[in-house]
């Protein structure tokens, strides 16, 4: 079973529906999620950023810069 298949099972969606989600690349996955949140108009005025925790080094790395969601 692939990571995508496991994610599909957890989300109760088809593997095809989760195929575009970058689950094997933590930085890309966080950047994707931040982009989804920033696009949500109900979050106007909310600051959204993304961090990735490296379990090997114990360091935290920015994956998406802090940005306030504003009306465009």
N, C-alpha and C. Protein backbone atom coordinates (compact mmCIF):
# COMPACT_ATOMS: atom_id res chain seq x y z
N UNK A 1 0.85 -1.18 0.00
CA UNK A 1 0.00 0.00 0.00
C UNK A 1 0.90 1.24 0.00
N UNK A 2 0.61 2.16 -0.92
CA UNK A 2 1.42 3.37 -1.02
C UNK A 2 0.96 4.42 -0.01
N UNK A 3 1.80 5.45 0.15
CA UNK A 3 1.45 6.55 1.04
C UNK A 3 0.17 7.24 0.54
N UNK A 4 0.05 7.38 -0.77
CA UNK A 4 -1.15 7.99 -1.34
C UNK A 4 -2.39 7.16 -1.04
N UNK A 5 -2.27 5.84 -1.12
CA UNK A 5 -3.39 4.95 -0.78
C UNK A 5 -3.77 5.09 0.69
N UNK A 6 -2.76 5.18 1.56
CA UNK A 6 -3.02 5.35 2.99
C UNK A 6 -3.72 6.68 3.27
N UNK A 7 -3.24 7.74 2.62
CA UNK A 7 -3.86 9.05 2.78
C UNK A 7 -5.31 9.02 2.30
N UNK A 8 -5.54 8.40 1.17
CA UNK A 8 -6.90 8.29 0.63
C UNK A 8 -7.81 7.60 1.63
N UNK A 9 -7.32 6.53 2.25
CA UNK A 9 -8.11 5.82 3.25
C UNK A 9 -8.42 6.69 4.46
N UNK A 10 -7.43 7.44 4.92
CA UNK A 10 -7.65 8.32 6.08
C UNK A 10 -8.65 9.42 5.77
N UNK A 11 -8.59 9.95 4.55
CA UNK A 11 -9.48 11.05 4.15
C UNK A 11 -10.81 10.55 3.60
N UNK A 12 -10.93 9.22 3.48
CA UNK A 12 -12.14 8.61 2.91
C UNK A 12 -12.42 9.14 1.51
N UNK A 13 -11.35 9.21 0.72
CA UNK A 13 -11.45 9.65 -0.67
C UNK A 13 -10.75 8.62 -1.54
N UNK A 14 -10.94 8.71 -2.82
CA UNK A 14 -10.28 7.79 -3.74
C UNK A 14 -8.80 8.15 -3.86
N UNK A 15 -8.00 7.17 -4.23
CA UNK A 15 -6.57 7.44 -4.45
C UNK A 15 -6.39 8.46 -5.56
N UNK A 16 -7.26 8.43 -6.56
CA UNK A 16 -7.17 9.40 -7.66
C UNK A 16 -7.40 10.83 -7.16
N UNK A 17 -8.30 10.99 -6.19
CA UNK A 17 -8.60 12.33 -5.66
C UNK A 17 -7.44 12.89 -4.85
N UNK A 18 -6.59 12.03 -4.32
CA UNK A 18 -5.45 12.48 -3.52
C UNK A 18 -4.14 12.40 -4.29
N UNK A 19 -4.18 12.01 -5.55
CA UNK A 19 -2.96 11.82 -6.34
C UNK A 19 -2.14 13.09 -6.47
N UNK A 20 -2.76 14.25 -6.51
CA UNK A 20 -2.02 15.50 -6.67
C UNK A 20 -1.47 16.09 -5.39
N UNK A 21 -1.75 15.45 -4.26
CA UNK A 21 -1.29 15.96 -2.97
C UNK A 21 0.14 15.45 -2.73
N UNK A 22 1.10 16.36 -2.52
CA UNK A 22 2.50 15.96 -2.39
C UNK A 22 2.85 15.40 -1.00
N UNK A 23 2.35 14.22 -0.68
CA UNK A 23 2.51 13.68 0.68
C UNK A 23 3.91 13.18 0.99
N UNK A 24 4.71 12.89 -0.02
CA UNK A 24 6.05 12.38 0.25
C UNK A 24 7.10 13.48 0.35
N UNK A 25 6.72 14.73 0.11
CA UNK A 25 7.62 15.88 0.22
C UNK A 25 7.01 16.84 1.24
N UNK A 26 7.48 16.81 2.50
CA UNK A 26 6.86 17.62 3.55
C UNK A 26 6.78 19.12 3.23
N UNK A 27 7.84 19.69 2.67
CA UNK A 27 7.79 21.13 2.35
C UNK A 27 6.73 21.44 1.29
N UNK A 28 6.67 20.60 0.27
CA UNK A 28 5.67 20.81 -0.79
C UNK A 28 4.26 20.60 -0.23
N UNK A 29 4.10 19.62 0.66
CA UNK A 29 2.79 19.36 1.24
C UNK A 29 2.32 20.54 2.08
N UNK A 30 3.22 21.10 2.88
CA UNK A 30 2.86 22.25 3.72
C UNK A 30 2.58 23.47 2.84
N UNK A 31 3.41 23.70 1.83
CA UNK A 31 3.18 24.82 0.92
C UNK A 31 1.83 24.67 0.22
N UNK A 32 1.47 23.46 -0.16
CA UNK A 32 0.17 23.20 -0.79
C UNK A 32 -0.97 23.55 0.17
N UNK A 33 -0.86 23.06 1.40
CA UNK A 33 -1.91 23.31 2.39
C UNK A 33 -2.04 24.80 2.71
N UNK A 34 -0.91 25.49 2.80
CA UNK A 34 -0.93 26.94 3.06
C UNK A 34 -1.61 27.65 1.90
N UNK A 35 -1.32 27.22 0.68
CA UNK A 35 -1.97 27.83 -0.48
C UNK A 35 -3.48 27.65 -0.46
N UNK A 36 -3.93 26.47 -0.05
CA UNK A 36 -5.37 26.22 0.06
C UNK A 36 -5.99 27.15 1.10
N UNK A 37 -5.34 27.28 2.24
CA UNK A 37 -5.87 28.16 3.29
C UNK A 37 -5.86 29.62 2.87
N UNK A 38 -4.80 30.05 2.20
CA UNK A 38 -4.72 31.45 1.76
C UNK A 38 -5.78 31.77 0.72
N UNK A 39 -6.20 30.79 -0.04
CA UNK A 39 -7.22 31.01 -1.06
C UNK A 39 -8.63 31.07 -0.47
N UNK A 40 -8.79 30.67 0.76
CA UNK A 40 -10.10 30.63 1.40
C UNK A 40 -10.53 32.04 1.81
N UNK A 41 -11.58 32.53 1.18
CA UNK A 41 -12.02 33.90 1.43
C UNK A 41 -12.57 34.12 2.84
N UNK A 42 -13.00 33.04 3.49
CA UNK A 42 -13.50 33.19 4.86
C UNK A 42 -12.37 33.46 5.86
N UNK A 43 -11.13 33.40 5.40
CA UNK A 43 -9.99 33.66 6.28
C UNK A 43 -9.35 35.02 6.04
N UNK A 44 -10.10 35.95 5.44
CA UNK A 44 -9.58 37.30 5.23
C UNK A 44 -9.07 37.87 6.54
N UNK A 45 -7.86 38.44 6.52
CA UNK A 45 -7.29 39.04 7.71
C UNK A 45 -6.55 38.07 8.61
N UNK A 46 -6.56 36.79 8.27
CA UNK A 46 -5.88 35.77 9.07
C UNK A 46 -4.48 35.54 8.50
N UNK A 47 -3.48 35.53 9.35
CA UNK A 47 -2.12 35.27 8.91
C UNK A 47 -1.89 33.76 8.81
N UNK A 48 -1.38 33.33 7.67
CA UNK A 48 -1.14 31.91 7.43
C UNK A 48 0.32 31.71 7.04
N UNK A 49 0.98 30.78 7.69
CA UNK A 49 2.35 30.41 7.33
C UNK A 49 2.49 28.91 7.52
N UNK A 50 3.62 28.36 7.10
CA UNK A 50 3.81 26.92 7.23
C UNK A 50 5.22 26.58 7.67
N UNK A 51 5.33 25.62 8.56
CA UNK A 51 6.61 25.16 9.07
C UNK A 51 6.71 23.65 8.93
N UNK A 52 7.93 23.16 8.75
CA UNK A 52 8.18 21.72 8.69
C UNK A 52 9.19 21.38 9.77
N UNK A 53 8.85 20.39 10.59
CA UNK A 53 9.73 19.92 11.65
C UNK A 53 10.55 18.74 11.14
N UNK A 54 11.86 18.85 11.23
CA UNK A 54 12.76 17.79 10.80
C UNK A 54 13.00 16.85 11.98
N UNK A 55 12.47 15.64 11.92
CA UNK A 55 12.57 14.72 13.05
C UNK A 55 13.99 14.22 13.25
N UNK A 56 14.83 14.30 12.23
CA UNK A 56 16.22 13.86 12.35
C UNK A 56 17.06 14.87 13.11
N UNK A 57 16.92 16.15 12.77
CA UNK A 57 17.76 17.20 13.37
C UNK A 57 17.08 17.92 14.52
N UNK A 58 15.75 17.85 14.57
CA UNK A 58 15.01 18.59 15.59
C UNK A 58 14.81 20.05 15.23
N UNK A 59 15.17 20.42 14.00
CA UNK A 59 15.03 21.81 13.57
C UNK A 59 13.69 22.04 12.88
N UNK A 60 13.25 23.28 12.92
CA UNK A 60 12.01 23.69 12.25
C UNK A 60 12.40 24.60 11.10
N UNK A 61 11.87 24.32 9.91
CA UNK A 61 12.18 25.09 8.72
C UNK A 61 10.91 25.70 8.14
N UNK A 62 11.00 26.97 7.69
CA UNK A 62 9.82 27.57 7.04
C UNK A 62 9.56 26.89 5.70
N UNK A 63 8.32 26.58 5.44
CA UNK A 63 7.93 25.99 4.16
C UNK A 63 7.11 26.98 3.34
N UNK A 64 6.53 27.95 4.00
CA UNK A 64 5.76 28.99 3.33
C UNK A 64 5.86 30.25 4.19
N UNK A 65 6.19 31.34 3.57
CA UNK A 65 6.36 32.58 4.32
C UNK A 65 5.06 33.08 4.92
N UNK A 66 5.20 33.79 6.02
CA UNK A 66 4.05 34.34 6.70
C UNK A 66 3.45 35.43 5.81
N UNK A 67 2.14 35.39 5.69
CA UNK A 67 1.45 36.34 4.84
C UNK A 67 0.03 36.50 5.35
N UNK A 68 -0.45 37.72 5.39
CA UNK A 68 -1.81 37.94 5.83
C UNK A 68 -2.74 37.83 4.62
N UNK A 69 -3.81 37.12 4.79
CA UNK A 69 -4.81 36.96 3.74
C UNK A 69 -5.60 38.23 3.66
N UNK A 70 -5.59 38.87 2.49
CA UNK A 70 -6.34 40.11 2.30
C UNK A 70 -7.22 39.99 1.08
N UNK A 71 -8.25 40.77 1.05
CA UNK A 71 -9.14 40.77 -0.13
C UNK A 71 -8.39 41.31 -1.32
N UNK A 72 -8.56 40.62 -2.46
CA UNK A 72 -7.86 40.99 -3.68
C UNK A 72 -8.71 41.74 -4.56
